[in-house]
Amino acid sequence: MKKSILIGVAGGSGSGKTSMAKNIIREFNPDDVAIIELDSYYFDLRHIPLDMRRRHNFDHPQSYDFDLLKTHIKTLLNGGTVQMPVYDYISHTRSDKSITFSGHKIIVLEGIMVLFEPELRDMMDIKVFIQTTPDIRFIRRLKRDIQKRGRSPQAVIDQYMQTVRPMHEQFIEPSKKYADIIIPEGGHNKVAIDLMTTKINALLKQLKQLKQ
């Protein structure tokens, strides 16, 4: 029997997934909630030269270690403990550090591809897709990658045109058909956040009743 609730939050790069994930769980006990980023499960690229890593297609499903992610999610849903990898976006490698997750009643998995993988979708109690216009998503990504990931403006633009945009159209946008709810405006949609909070409370109540 599942001991936790899994919520998937998908959407294009820069759509506001992280903001939505944080806003969904802000009213719950922090000890009961874990937010897991799909990007933490990028494959380690230390085996290839740095210039090749920078040209890697990070927006393709094969960039992610879905097998490890699914193993970790199954373990968490059954009350176990996992060591989540930490990804270094500058060197495109996994850090030697990890983050311990254990005993959370609510697990929010957010990332561009979380609704792409069928087995992962089947584990979810709620599937959410964040719908945001392409120009807003690009501007957010541009700011983020320059400020937090050490990229140049031209590098961000090149990556967006070569991989981010085509992969969004091929893999991410089509995955919204699997969503239970499609939310415009991301973390700024207060009505959607209230509805999500109400639903999560109802699921938590069901979990508690099953344990009695």
N, C-alpha and C. Protein backbone atom coordinates (compact mmCIF):
# COMPACT_ATOMS: atom_id res chain seq x y z
N MET A 1 0.84 -1.20 0.00
CA MET A 1 0.00 0.00 0.00
C MET A 1 0.87 1.25 0.00
N LYS A 2 0.52 2.20 -0.86
CA LYS A 2 1.27 3.44 -0.91
C LYS A 2 1.16 4.19 0.41
N LYS A 3 2.28 4.77 0.84
CA LYS A 3 2.30 5.54 2.08
C LYS A 3 2.42 7.03 1.84
N SER A 4 2.53 7.42 0.56
CA SER A 4 2.70 8.82 0.21
C SER A 4 1.90 9.16 -1.04
N ILE A 5 1.73 10.45 -1.27
CA ILE A 5 1.03 10.96 -2.44
C ILE A 5 2.07 11.51 -3.41
N LEU A 6 1.97 11.13 -4.68
CA LEU A 6 2.90 11.63 -5.69
C LEU A 6 2.16 12.57 -6.63
N ILE A 7 2.69 13.79 -6.77
CA ILE A 7 2.12 14.80 -7.65
C ILE A 7 3.15 15.13 -8.72
N GLY A 8 2.78 15.00 -9.98
CA GLY A 8 3.67 15.34 -11.07
C GLY A 8 3.34 16.72 -11.61
N VAL A 9 4.36 17.57 -11.73
CA VAL A 9 4.17 18.92 -12.27
C VAL A 9 5.09 19.08 -13.47
N ALA A 10 4.49 19.12 -14.66
CA ALA A 10 5.26 19.22 -15.91
C ALA A 10 4.98 20.55 -16.59
N GLY A 11 5.72 20.79 -17.67
CA GLY A 11 5.56 22.03 -18.44
C GLY A 11 6.88 22.36 -19.09
N GLY A 12 6.86 23.27 -20.03
CA GLY A 12 8.08 23.65 -20.74
C GLY A 12 9.09 24.34 -19.84
N SER A 13 10.32 24.41 -20.32
CA SER A 13 11.37 25.11 -19.58
C SER A 13 10.99 26.57 -19.39
N GLY A 14 11.01 27.03 -18.13
CA GLY A 14 10.65 28.40 -17.83
C GLY A 14 9.16 28.64 -17.69
N SER A 15 8.38 27.57 -17.60
CA SER A 15 6.92 27.71 -17.53
C SER A 15 6.42 28.14 -16.15
N GLY A 16 7.25 27.93 -15.12
CA GLY A 16 6.82 28.24 -13.76
C GLY A 16 6.52 26.99 -12.94
N LYS A 17 7.10 25.86 -13.34
CA LYS A 17 6.87 24.59 -12.65
C LYS A 17 7.32 24.65 -11.19
N THR A 18 8.53 25.17 -10.99
CA THR A 18 9.08 25.22 -9.63
C THR A 18 8.25 26.12 -8.73
N SER A 19 7.85 27.28 -9.25
CA SER A 19 7.01 28.19 -8.47
C SER A 19 5.69 27.54 -8.11
N MET A 20 5.10 26.84 -9.06
CA MET A 20 3.83 26.16 -8.80
C MET A 20 4.01 25.06 -7.75
N ALA A 21 5.08 24.28 -7.89
CA ALA A 21 5.32 23.20 -6.93
C ALA A 21 5.46 23.76 -5.51
N LYS A 22 6.21 24.83 -5.37
CA LYS A 22 6.41 25.43 -4.05
C LYS A 22 5.11 26.02 -3.50
N ASN A 23 4.31 26.64 -4.37
CA ASN A 23 3.07 27.24 -3.92
C ASN A 23 2.02 26.19 -3.55
N ILE A 24 2.06 25.06 -4.23
CA ILE A 24 1.11 23.99 -3.93
C ILE A 24 1.29 23.47 -2.50
N ILE A 25 2.55 23.36 -2.08
CA ILE A 25 2.82 22.69 -0.79
C ILE A 25 3.12 23.66 0.36
N ARG A 26 3.02 24.94 0.13
CA ARG A 26 3.44 25.90 1.15
C ARG A 26 2.61 25.83 2.42
N GLU A 27 1.36 25.36 2.34
CA GLU A 27 0.50 25.31 3.52
C GLU A 27 0.63 24.01 4.30
N PHE A 28 1.48 23.12 3.82
CA PHE A 28 1.65 21.84 4.49
C PHE A 28 2.91 21.85 5.35
N ASN A 29 2.95 20.93 6.29
CA ASN A 29 4.11 20.79 7.17
C ASN A 29 5.35 20.45 6.33
N PRO A 30 6.42 21.26 6.42
CA PRO A 30 7.62 21.00 5.62
C PRO A 30 8.21 19.61 5.84
N ASP A 31 7.99 19.03 7.01
CA ASP A 31 8.49 17.68 7.28
C ASP A 31 7.72 16.62 6.50
N ASP A 32 6.54 16.99 6.02
CA ASP A 32 5.70 16.04 5.29
C ASP A 32 5.87 16.14 3.78
N VAL A 33 6.62 17.13 3.32
CA VAL A 33 6.66 17.43 1.89
C VAL A 33 8.09 17.33 1.33
N ALA A 34 8.19 16.73 0.16
CA ALA A 34 9.47 16.70 -0.55
C ALA A 34 9.24 17.13 -1.99
N ILE A 35 10.05 18.07 -2.47
CA ILE A 35 10.02 18.45 -3.89
C ILE A 35 11.25 17.84 -4.56
N ILE A 36 11.02 17.04 -5.57
CA ILE A 36 12.10 16.39 -6.31
C ILE A 36 12.13 16.95 -7.73
N GLU A 37 13.29 17.43 -8.14
CA GLU A 37 13.45 17.99 -9.48
C GLU A 37 13.96 16.91 -10.43
N LEU A 38 13.27 16.77 -11.55
CA LEU A 38 13.69 15.80 -12.56
C LEU A 38 15.12 16.06 -13.01
N ASP A 39 15.52 17.34 -13.07
CA ASP A 39 16.86 17.69 -13.53
C ASP A 39 17.97 17.09 -12.66
N SER A 40 17.65 16.74 -11.43
CA SER A 40 18.64 16.10 -10.56
C SER A 40 19.04 14.73 -11.11
N TYR A 41 18.22 14.20 -12.01
CA TYR A 41 18.46 12.85 -12.54
C TYR A 41 19.01 12.87 -13.96
N TYR A 42 19.62 14.00 -14.36
CA TYR A 42 20.39 13.99 -15.60
C TYR A 42 21.52 12.98 -15.48
N PHE A 43 21.84 12.32 -16.57
CA PHE A 43 22.99 11.43 -16.56
C PHE A 43 24.28 12.23 -16.36
N ASP A 44 25.23 11.63 -15.68
CA ASP A 44 26.53 12.25 -15.46
C ASP A 44 27.32 12.21 -16.78
N LEU A 45 27.82 13.38 -17.22
CA LEU A 45 28.52 13.46 -18.51
C LEU A 45 30.03 13.64 -18.35
N ARG A 46 30.56 13.31 -17.20
CA ARG A 46 31.99 13.55 -16.96
C ARG A 46 32.89 12.72 -17.88
N HIS A 47 32.32 11.72 -18.50
CA HIS A 47 33.13 10.84 -19.37
C HIS A 47 33.37 11.45 -20.75
N ILE A 48 32.76 12.60 -21.06
CA ILE A 48 33.00 13.23 -22.36
C ILE A 48 33.59 14.62 -22.16
N PRO A 49 34.32 15.15 -23.15
CA PRO A 49 34.95 16.47 -23.00
C PRO A 49 33.92 17.57 -22.71
N LEU A 50 34.38 18.62 -22.00
CA LEU A 50 33.48 19.68 -21.57
C LEU A 50 32.79 20.37 -22.74
N ASP A 51 33.51 20.60 -23.83
CA ASP A 51 32.89 21.29 -24.96
C ASP A 51 31.77 20.45 -25.58
N MET A 52 31.90 19.12 -25.52
CA MET A 52 30.85 18.24 -26.02
C MET A 52 29.66 18.21 -25.06
N ARG A 53 29.95 18.30 -23.76
CA ARG A 53 28.86 18.33 -22.77
C ARG A 53 27.97 19.54 -23.02
N ARG A 54 28.58 20.68 -23.32
CA ARG A 54 27.82 21.91 -23.53
C ARG A 54 26.92 21.83 -24.75
N ARG A 55 27.25 20.95 -25.69
CA ARG A 55 26.44 20.81 -26.90
C ARG A 55 25.43 19.65 -26.78
N HIS A 56 25.43 19.01 -25.63
CA HIS A 56 24.54 17.86 -25.40
C HIS A 56 23.07 18.29 -25.43
N ASN A 57 22.21 17.42 -25.91
CA ASN A 57 20.76 17.71 -25.95
C ASN A 57 20.15 17.35 -24.60
N PHE A 58 20.03 18.34 -23.71
CA PHE A 58 19.51 18.10 -22.38
C PHE A 58 17.98 18.08 -22.34
N ASP A 59 17.34 18.31 -23.48
CA ASP A 59 15.88 18.36 -23.53
C ASP A 59 15.28 17.12 -24.19
N HIS A 60 16.10 16.08 -24.35
CA HIS A 60 15.62 14.81 -24.90
C HIS A 60 15.40 13.83 -23.75
N PRO A 61 14.37 12.98 -23.83
CA PRO A 61 14.12 12.02 -22.75
C PRO A 61 15.32 11.15 -22.39
N GLN A 62 16.18 10.86 -23.37
CA GLN A 62 17.32 9.99 -23.10
C GLN A 62 18.41 10.66 -22.26
N SER A 63 18.25 11.96 -21.97
CA SER A 63 19.21 12.65 -21.11
C SER A 63 18.99 12.34 -19.64
N TYR A 64 17.84 11.74 -19.33
CA TYR A 64 17.48 11.50 -17.93
C TYR A 64 17.61 10.03 -17.54
N ASP A 65 18.04 9.81 -16.31
CA ASP A 65 18.14 8.46 -15.77
C ASP A 65 16.79 8.08 -15.17
N PHE A 66 15.84 7.75 -16.03
CA PHE A 66 14.50 7.43 -15.58
C PHE A 66 14.46 6.16 -14.74
N ASP A 67 15.35 5.23 -15.01
CA ASP A 67 15.38 3.98 -14.24
C ASP A 67 15.68 4.27 -12.77
N LEU A 68 16.70 5.10 -12.52
CA LEU A 68 17.04 5.45 -11.14
C LEU A 68 15.91 6.25 -10.51
N LEU A 69 15.34 7.18 -11.26
CA LEU A 69 14.25 8.00 -10.73
C LEU A 69 13.06 7.13 -10.32
N LYS A 70 12.67 6.20 -11.18
CA LYS A 70 11.53 5.34 -10.87
C LYS A 70 11.80 4.47 -9.65
N THR A 71 13.03 3.99 -9.54
CA THR A 71 13.40 3.19 -8.36
C THR A 71 13.27 4.03 -7.10
N HIS A 72 13.75 5.26 -7.15
CA HIS A 72 13.68 6.16 -5.99
C HIS A 72 12.23 6.50 -5.63
N ILE A 73 11.42 6.79 -6.64
CA ILE A 73 10.02 7.15 -6.38
C ILE A 73 9.27 5.96 -5.76
N LYS A 74 9.48 4.78 -6.28
CA LYS A 74 8.84 3.58 -5.72
C LYS A 74 9.24 3.39 -4.27
N THR A 75 10.52 3.59 -3.99
CA THR A 75 11.02 3.43 -2.62
C THR A 75 10.36 4.45 -1.69
N LEU A 76 10.27 5.70 -2.13
CA LEU A 76 9.66 6.75 -1.30
C LEU A 76 8.18 6.49 -1.07
N LEU A 77 7.47 6.05 -2.10
CA LEU A 77 6.04 5.80 -1.96
C LEU A 77 5.75 4.64 -1.02
N ASN A 78 6.74 3.79 -0.81
CA ASN A 78 6.59 2.67 0.10
C ASN A 78 7.21 2.93 1.47
N GLY A 79 7.56 4.22 1.70
CA GLY A 79 8.06 4.59 3.02
C GLY A 79 9.55 4.43 3.22
N GLY A 80 10.30 4.19 2.15
CA GLY A 80 11.73 3.99 2.28
C GLY A 80 12.53 5.28 2.20
N THR A 81 13.85 5.13 2.18
CA THR A 81 14.77 6.27 2.16
C THR A 81 15.62 6.21 0.89
N VAL A 82 15.85 7.37 0.27
CA VAL A 82 16.70 7.41 -0.93
C VAL A 82 17.71 8.54 -0.79
N GLN A 83 18.79 8.42 -1.57
CA GLN A 83 19.79 9.47 -1.68
C GLN A 83 19.66 10.09 -3.06
N MET A 84 19.01 11.25 -3.15
CA MET A 84 18.80 11.89 -4.43
C MET A 84 20.09 12.54 -4.94
N PRO A 85 20.44 12.32 -6.20
CA PRO A 85 21.67 12.93 -6.72
C PRO A 85 21.56 14.45 -6.81
N VAL A 86 22.70 15.11 -6.79
CA VAL A 86 22.78 16.57 -6.95
C VAL A 86 23.53 16.84 -8.25
N TYR A 87 22.92 17.61 -9.14
CA TYR A 87 23.51 17.84 -10.45
C TYR A 87 24.18 19.21 -10.52
N ASP A 88 25.37 19.25 -11.12
CA ASP A 88 26.12 20.49 -11.30
C ASP A 88 25.89 20.97 -12.73
N TYR A 89 25.14 22.06 -12.88
CA TYR A 89 24.75 22.54 -14.21
C TYR A 89 25.90 23.21 -14.96
N ILE A 90 26.93 23.60 -14.26
CA ILE A 90 28.07 24.26 -14.91
C ILE A 90 29.00 23.24 -15.55
N SER A 91 29.29 22.15 -14.81
CA SER A 91 30.18 21.12 -15.34
C SER A 91 29.43 19.98 -16.00
N HIS A 92 28.09 19.95 -15.84
CA HIS A 92 27.24 18.89 -16.39
C HIS A 92 27.64 17.52 -15.85
N THR A 93 27.85 17.48 -14.55
CA THR A 93 28.20 16.23 -13.88
C THR A 93 27.40 16.11 -12.59
N ARG A 94 27.34 14.90 -12.07
CA ARG A 94 26.71 14.70 -10.76
C ARG A 94 27.72 15.02 -9.66
N SER A 95 27.25 15.75 -8.69
CA SER A 95 28.10 16.09 -7.56
C SER A 95 28.35 14.85 -6.70
N ASP A 96 29.39 14.90 -5.88
CA ASP A 96 29.65 13.82 -4.94
C ASP A 96 28.64 13.85 -3.79
N LYS A 97 27.93 14.97 -3.66
CA LYS A 97 26.94 15.11 -2.60
C LYS A 97 25.61 14.49 -3.03
N SER A 98 24.74 14.25 -2.06
CA SER A 98 23.39 13.78 -2.33
C SER A 98 22.46 14.32 -1.26
N ILE A 99 21.15 14.21 -1.51
CA ILE A 99 20.16 14.71 -0.57
C ILE A 99 19.32 13.54 -0.09
N THR A 100 19.17 13.42 1.22
CA THR A 100 18.41 12.31 1.80
C THR A 100 16.93 12.66 1.86
N PHE A 101 16.11 11.75 1.33
CA PHE A 101 14.66 11.89 1.42
C PHE A 101 14.09 10.67 2.12
N SER A 102 13.18 10.92 3.06
CA SER A 102 12.56 9.80 3.77
C SER A 102 11.33 10.28 4.54
N GLY A 103 10.28 9.47 4.53
CA GLY A 103 9.13 9.69 5.40
C GLY A 103 8.21 10.82 5.00
N HIS A 104 8.24 11.29 3.76
CA HIS A 104 7.38 12.39 3.35
C HIS A 104 6.02 11.87 2.87
N LYS A 105 4.98 12.52 3.30
CA LYS A 105 3.62 12.12 2.91
C LYS A 105 3.25 12.68 1.53
N ILE A 106 3.86 13.80 1.15
CA ILE A 106 3.58 14.43 -0.14
C ILE A 106 4.89 14.55 -0.91
N ILE A 107 4.93 13.99 -2.11
CA ILE A 107 6.11 14.09 -2.96
C ILE A 107 5.70 14.80 -4.24
N VAL A 108 6.33 15.93 -4.51
CA VAL A 108 6.05 16.69 -5.73
C VAL A 108 7.24 16.51 -6.67
N LEU A 109 6.98 15.86 -7.79
CA LEU A 109 8.02 15.64 -8.80
C LEU A 109 7.80 16.64 -9.92
N GLU A 110 8.78 17.53 -10.13
CA GLU A 110 8.59 18.56 -11.17
C GLU A 110 9.72 18.51 -12.18
N GLY A 111 9.33 18.73 -13.45
CA GLY A 111 10.32 18.72 -14.52
C GLY A 111 9.64 18.65 -15.87
N ILE A 112 10.38 18.95 -16.92
CA ILE A 112 9.78 19.04 -18.24
C ILE A 112 9.23 17.71 -18.74
N MET A 113 9.82 16.60 -18.30
CA MET A 113 9.46 15.30 -18.85
C MET A 113 8.70 14.39 -17.88
N VAL A 114 8.20 14.91 -16.78
CA VAL A 114 7.62 14.01 -15.76
C VAL A 114 6.34 13.33 -16.23
N LEU A 115 5.67 13.88 -17.24
CA LEU A 115 4.48 13.22 -17.77
C LEU A 115 4.78 12.41 -19.03
N PHE A 116 6.04 12.37 -19.43
CA PHE A 116 6.42 11.64 -20.65
C PHE A 116 6.53 10.14 -20.40
N GLU A 117 7.05 9.74 -19.25
CA GLU A 117 7.38 8.35 -18.97
C GLU A 117 6.13 7.62 -18.43
N PRO A 118 5.63 6.60 -19.14
CA PRO A 118 4.37 5.94 -18.75
C PRO A 118 4.37 5.35 -17.34
N GLU A 119 5.42 4.63 -16.98
CA GLU A 119 5.46 3.99 -15.66
C GLU A 119 5.46 5.02 -14.55
N LEU A 120 6.14 6.14 -14.79
CA LEU A 120 6.18 7.22 -13.81
C LEU A 120 4.79 7.85 -13.66
N ARG A 121 4.12 8.06 -14.79
CA ARG A 121 2.75 8.62 -14.76
C ARG A 121 1.81 7.75 -13.94
N ASP A 122 1.97 6.44 -14.09
CA ASP A 122 1.06 5.51 -13.42
C ASP A 122 1.20 5.57 -11.90
N MET A 123 2.32 6.06 -11.40
CA MET A 123 2.52 6.17 -9.95
C MET A 123 1.88 7.42 -9.37
N MET A 124 1.47 8.36 -10.24
CA MET A 124 1.04 9.68 -9.77
C MET A 124 -0.43 9.69 -9.36
N ASP A 125 -0.71 10.41 -8.27
CA ASP A 125 -2.08 10.63 -7.82
C ASP A 125 -2.68 11.85 -8.52
N ILE A 126 -1.85 12.83 -8.84
CA ILE A 126 -2.28 14.03 -9.54
C ILE A 126 -1.24 14.38 -10.60
N LYS A 127 -1.70 14.66 -11.81
CA LYS A 127 -0.79 15.03 -12.90
C LYS A 127 -1.15 16.44 -13.37
N VAL A 128 -0.16 17.34 -13.32
CA VAL A 128 -0.38 18.75 -13.62
C VAL A 128 0.53 19.17 -14.77
N PHE A 129 -0.01 19.99 -15.67
CA PHE A 129 0.80 20.58 -16.73
C PHE A 129 0.66 22.10 -16.65
N ILE A 130 1.79 22.80 -16.63
CA ILE A 130 1.79 24.26 -16.56
C ILE A 130 1.90 24.82 -17.98
N GLN A 131 0.90 25.58 -18.38
CA GLN A 131 0.84 26.14 -19.73
C GLN A 131 1.25 27.61 -19.69
N THR A 132 2.37 27.94 -20.33
CA THR A 132 2.87 29.31 -20.37
C THR A 132 3.33 29.62 -21.79
N THR A 133 3.09 30.85 -22.24
CA THR A 133 3.42 31.21 -23.62
C THR A 133 4.93 31.12 -23.88
N PRO A 134 5.32 30.77 -25.11
CA PRO A 134 6.73 30.56 -25.43
C PRO A 134 7.64 31.76 -25.15
N ASP A 135 7.16 32.99 -25.42
CA ASP A 135 8.03 34.14 -25.21
C ASP A 135 8.35 34.34 -23.73
N ILE A 136 7.37 34.13 -22.86
CA ILE A 136 7.62 34.24 -21.42
C ILE A 136 8.57 33.15 -20.96
N ARG A 137 8.39 31.94 -21.46
CA ARG A 137 9.27 30.84 -21.06
C ARG A 137 10.71 31.11 -21.49
N PHE A 138 10.89 31.63 -22.70
CA PHE A 138 12.25 31.92 -23.18
C PHE A 138 12.92 33.00 -22.34
N ILE A 139 12.21 34.07 -22.05
CA ILE A 139 12.79 35.15 -21.24
C ILE A 139 13.20 34.64 -19.87
N ARG A 140 12.35 33.84 -19.24
CA ARG A 140 12.68 33.28 -17.92
C ARG A 140 13.92 32.39 -18.00
N ARG A 141 13.98 31.56 -19.05
CA ARG A 141 15.13 30.67 -19.21
C ARG A 141 16.41 31.47 -19.44
N LEU A 142 16.32 32.51 -20.26
CA LEU A 142 17.48 33.35 -20.54
C LEU A 142 18.04 33.94 -19.25
N LYS A 143 17.18 34.52 -18.43
CA LYS A 143 17.62 35.12 -17.17
C LYS A 143 18.22 34.07 -16.24
N ARG A 144 17.53 32.93 -16.12
CA ARG A 144 18.00 31.88 -15.21
C ARG A 144 19.36 31.34 -15.60
N ASP A 145 19.53 31.01 -16.88
CA ASP A 145 20.78 30.38 -17.32
C ASP A 145 21.96 31.33 -17.24
N ILE A 146 21.73 32.61 -17.43
CA ILE A 146 22.81 33.59 -17.31
C ILE A 146 23.18 33.80 -15.85
N GLN A 147 22.16 33.98 -15.00
CA GLN A 147 22.39 34.33 -13.61
C GLN A 147 22.81 33.14 -12.74
N LYS A 148 22.26 31.97 -13.01
CA LYS A 148 22.46 30.84 -12.11
C LYS A 148 23.31 29.71 -12.69
N ARG A 149 23.46 29.67 -14.01
CA ARG A 149 24.15 28.53 -14.61
C ARG A 149 25.37 28.93 -15.43
N GLY A 150 25.76 30.19 -15.33
CA GLY A 150 27.00 30.64 -15.94
C GLY A 150 27.03 30.61 -17.45
N ARG A 151 25.90 30.75 -18.12
CA ARG A 151 25.86 30.71 -19.58
C ARG A 151 25.89 32.11 -20.16
N SER A 152 26.37 32.22 -21.39
CA SER A 152 26.34 33.50 -22.10
C SER A 152 24.99 33.63 -22.80
N PRO A 153 24.54 34.87 -23.09
CA PRO A 153 23.26 35.04 -23.79
C PRO A 153 23.22 34.28 -25.12
N GLN A 154 24.31 34.33 -25.89
CA GLN A 154 24.31 33.66 -27.18
C GLN A 154 24.20 32.15 -27.03
N ALA A 155 24.87 31.61 -25.99
CA ALA A 155 24.79 30.16 -25.76
C ALA A 155 23.37 29.74 -25.42
N VAL A 156 22.68 30.56 -24.63
CA VAL A 156 21.30 30.25 -24.27
C VAL A 156 20.41 30.29 -25.50
N ILE A 157 20.60 31.30 -26.34
CA ILE A 157 19.80 31.43 -27.56
C ILE A 157 20.05 30.25 -28.50
N ASP A 158 21.32 29.90 -28.68
CA ASP A 158 21.65 28.78 -29.57
C ASP A 158 21.03 27.48 -29.08
N GLN A 159 21.13 27.24 -27.77
CA GLN A 159 20.57 26.01 -27.21
C GLN A 159 19.05 25.98 -27.37
N TYR A 160 18.44 27.14 -27.17
CA TYR A 160 16.98 27.22 -27.28
C TYR A 160 16.53 26.86 -28.70
N MET A 161 17.20 27.42 -29.69
CA MET A 161 16.81 27.19 -31.08
C MET A 161 17.13 25.77 -31.54
N GLN A 162 18.28 25.24 -31.09
CA GLN A 162 18.74 23.94 -31.59
C GLN A 162 18.06 22.76 -30.91
N THR A 163 17.79 22.86 -29.61
CA THR A 163 17.24 21.69 -28.90
C THR A 163 16.00 22.00 -28.06
N VAL A 164 16.01 23.10 -27.30
CA VAL A 164 14.92 23.35 -26.36
C VAL A 164 13.58 23.47 -27.08
N ARG A 165 13.52 24.32 -28.08
CA ARG A 165 12.26 24.55 -28.79
C ARG A 165 11.78 23.30 -29.55
N PRO A 166 12.62 22.65 -30.36
CA PRO A 166 12.14 21.46 -31.07
C PRO A 166 11.77 20.30 -30.15
N MET A 167 12.52 20.12 -29.05
CA MET A 167 12.20 19.04 -28.11
C MET A 167 10.90 19.33 -27.35
N HIS A 168 10.65 20.61 -27.10
CA HIS A 168 9.39 20.98 -26.46
C HIS A 168 8.22 20.57 -27.34
N GLU A 169 8.33 20.88 -28.63
CA GLU A 169 7.25 20.58 -29.55
C GLU A 169 7.09 19.08 -29.78
N GLN A 170 8.21 18.34 -29.72
CA GLN A 170 8.15 16.91 -29.99
C GLN A 170 7.73 16.08 -28.78
N PHE A 171 8.21 16.43 -27.59
CA PHE A 171 8.00 15.58 -26.42
C PHE A 171 7.16 16.21 -25.30
N ILE A 172 7.41 17.49 -25.01
CA ILE A 172 6.81 18.08 -23.81
C ILE A 172 5.37 18.53 -24.04
N GLU A 173 5.15 19.32 -25.07
CA GLU A 173 3.80 19.80 -25.35
C GLU A 173 2.81 18.64 -25.52
N PRO A 174 3.17 17.57 -26.26
CA PRO A 174 2.22 16.46 -26.40
C PRO A 174 1.90 15.75 -25.08
N SER A 175 2.79 15.84 -24.10
CA SER A 175 2.56 15.13 -22.83
C SER A 175 1.45 15.75 -22.00
N LYS A 176 1.00 16.95 -22.36
CA LYS A 176 -0.05 17.58 -21.55
C LYS A 176 -1.38 16.85 -21.69
N LYS A 177 -1.52 16.00 -22.71
CA LYS A 177 -2.75 15.23 -22.86
C LYS A 177 -2.94 14.24 -21.71
N TYR A 178 -1.86 13.94 -20.99
CA TYR A 178 -1.95 13.02 -19.86
C TYR A 178 -2.29 13.72 -18.55
N ALA A 179 -2.31 15.05 -18.56
CA ALA A 179 -2.51 15.81 -17.32
C ALA A 179 -3.96 15.72 -16.84
N ASP A 180 -4.11 15.69 -15.52
CA ASP A 180 -5.44 15.78 -14.93
C ASP A 180 -5.93 17.22 -14.96
N ILE A 181 -4.98 18.14 -14.88
CA ILE A 181 -5.32 19.56 -14.88
C ILE A 181 -4.23 20.34 -15.59
N ILE A 182 -4.63 21.28 -16.43
CA ILE A 182 -3.70 22.17 -17.13
C ILE A 182 -3.86 23.56 -16.53
N ILE A 183 -2.76 24.11 -16.02
CA ILE A 183 -2.82 25.37 -15.28
C ILE A 183 -2.10 26.47 -16.06
N PRO A 184 -2.80 27.52 -16.45
CA PRO A 184 -2.13 28.68 -17.06
C PRO A 184 -1.53 29.57 -15.99
N GLU A 185 -0.49 30.32 -16.36
CA GLU A 185 0.14 31.32 -15.49
C GLU A 185 1.01 30.74 -14.38
N GLY A 186 1.14 29.44 -14.30
CA GLY A 186 2.05 28.84 -13.32
C GLY A 186 1.73 29.20 -11.89
N GLY A 187 2.77 29.56 -11.14
CA GLY A 187 2.63 29.82 -9.71
C GLY A 187 1.82 31.04 -9.36
N HIS A 188 1.41 31.83 -10.35
CA HIS A 188 0.61 33.02 -10.08
C HIS A 188 -0.89 32.74 -10.11
N ASN A 189 -1.27 31.51 -10.46
CA ASN A 189 -2.68 31.16 -10.56
C ASN A 189 -3.21 30.73 -9.19
N LYS A 190 -3.73 31.68 -8.43
CA LYS A 190 -4.14 31.43 -7.05
C LYS A 190 -5.33 30.49 -6.96
N VAL A 191 -6.23 30.58 -7.92
CA VAL A 191 -7.41 29.69 -7.90
C VAL A 191 -6.97 28.23 -8.06
N ALA A 192 -6.07 27.99 -9.00
CA ALA A 192 -5.58 26.63 -9.22
C ALA A 192 -4.83 26.11 -8.00
N ILE A 193 -4.06 26.97 -7.36
CA ILE A 193 -3.32 26.57 -6.16
C ILE A 193 -4.28 26.17 -5.04
N ASP A 194 -5.34 26.95 -4.87
CA ASP A 194 -6.33 26.62 -3.84
C ASP A 194 -7.01 25.29 -4.14
N LEU A 195 -7.33 25.05 -5.40
CA LEU A 195 -7.96 23.78 -5.78
C LEU A 195 -7.02 22.61 -5.54
N MET A 196 -5.74 22.78 -5.87
CA MET A 196 -4.76 21.73 -5.64
C MET A 196 -4.60 21.44 -4.16
N THR A 197 -4.56 22.48 -3.35
CA THR A 197 -4.42 22.31 -1.91
C THR A 197 -5.59 21.52 -1.34
N THR A 198 -6.79 21.84 -1.78
CA THR A 198 -7.99 21.13 -1.33
C THR A 198 -7.92 19.65 -1.71
N LYS A 199 -7.49 19.36 -2.93
CA LYS A 199 -7.38 17.97 -3.39
C LYS A 199 -6.33 17.21 -2.60
N ILE A 200 -5.20 17.83 -2.34
CA ILE A 200 -4.15 17.16 -1.58
C ILE A 200 -4.61 16.85 -0.16
N ASN A 201 -5.31 17.79 0.45
CA ASN A 201 -5.85 17.54 1.79
C ASN A 201 -6.79 16.35 1.80
N ALA A 202 -7.62 16.23 0.74
CA ALA A 202 -8.54 15.10 0.66
C ALA A 202 -7.78 13.78 0.53
N LEU A 203 -6.70 13.77 -0.28
CA LEU A 203 -5.90 12.56 -0.45
C LEU A 203 -5.18 12.19 0.84
N LEU A 204 -4.69 13.19 1.56
CA LEU A 204 -4.03 12.93 2.84
C LEU A 204 -5.01 12.31 3.84
N LYS A 205 -6.22 12.80 3.83
CA LYS A 205 -7.25 12.26 4.72
C LYS A 205 -7.52 10.79 4.40
N GLN A 206 -7.56 10.47 3.10
CA GLN A 206 -7.77 9.09 2.69
C GLN A 206 -6.62 8.19 3.15
N LEU A 207 -5.38 8.69 3.04
CA LEU A 207 -4.22 7.92 3.49
C LEU A 207 -4.32 7.59 4.98
N LYS A 208 -4.68 8.59 5.77
CA LYS A 208 -4.79 8.40 7.21
C LYS A 208 -5.88 7.39 7.56
N GLN A 209 -6.98 7.44 6.82
CA GLN A 209 -8.08 6.50 7.08
C GLN A 209 -7.68 5.07 6.74
N LEU A 210 -6.89 4.89 5.69
CA LEU A 210 -6.42 3.57 5.31
C LEU A 210 -5.47 2.98 6.34
N LYS A 211 -4.73 3.84 7.03
CA LYS A 211 -3.77 3.38 8.02
C LYS A 211 -4.44 2.95 9.32
N GLN A 212 -5.65 3.45 9.56
CA GLN A 212 -6.35 3.15 10.82
C GLN A 212 -6.91 1.74 10.82
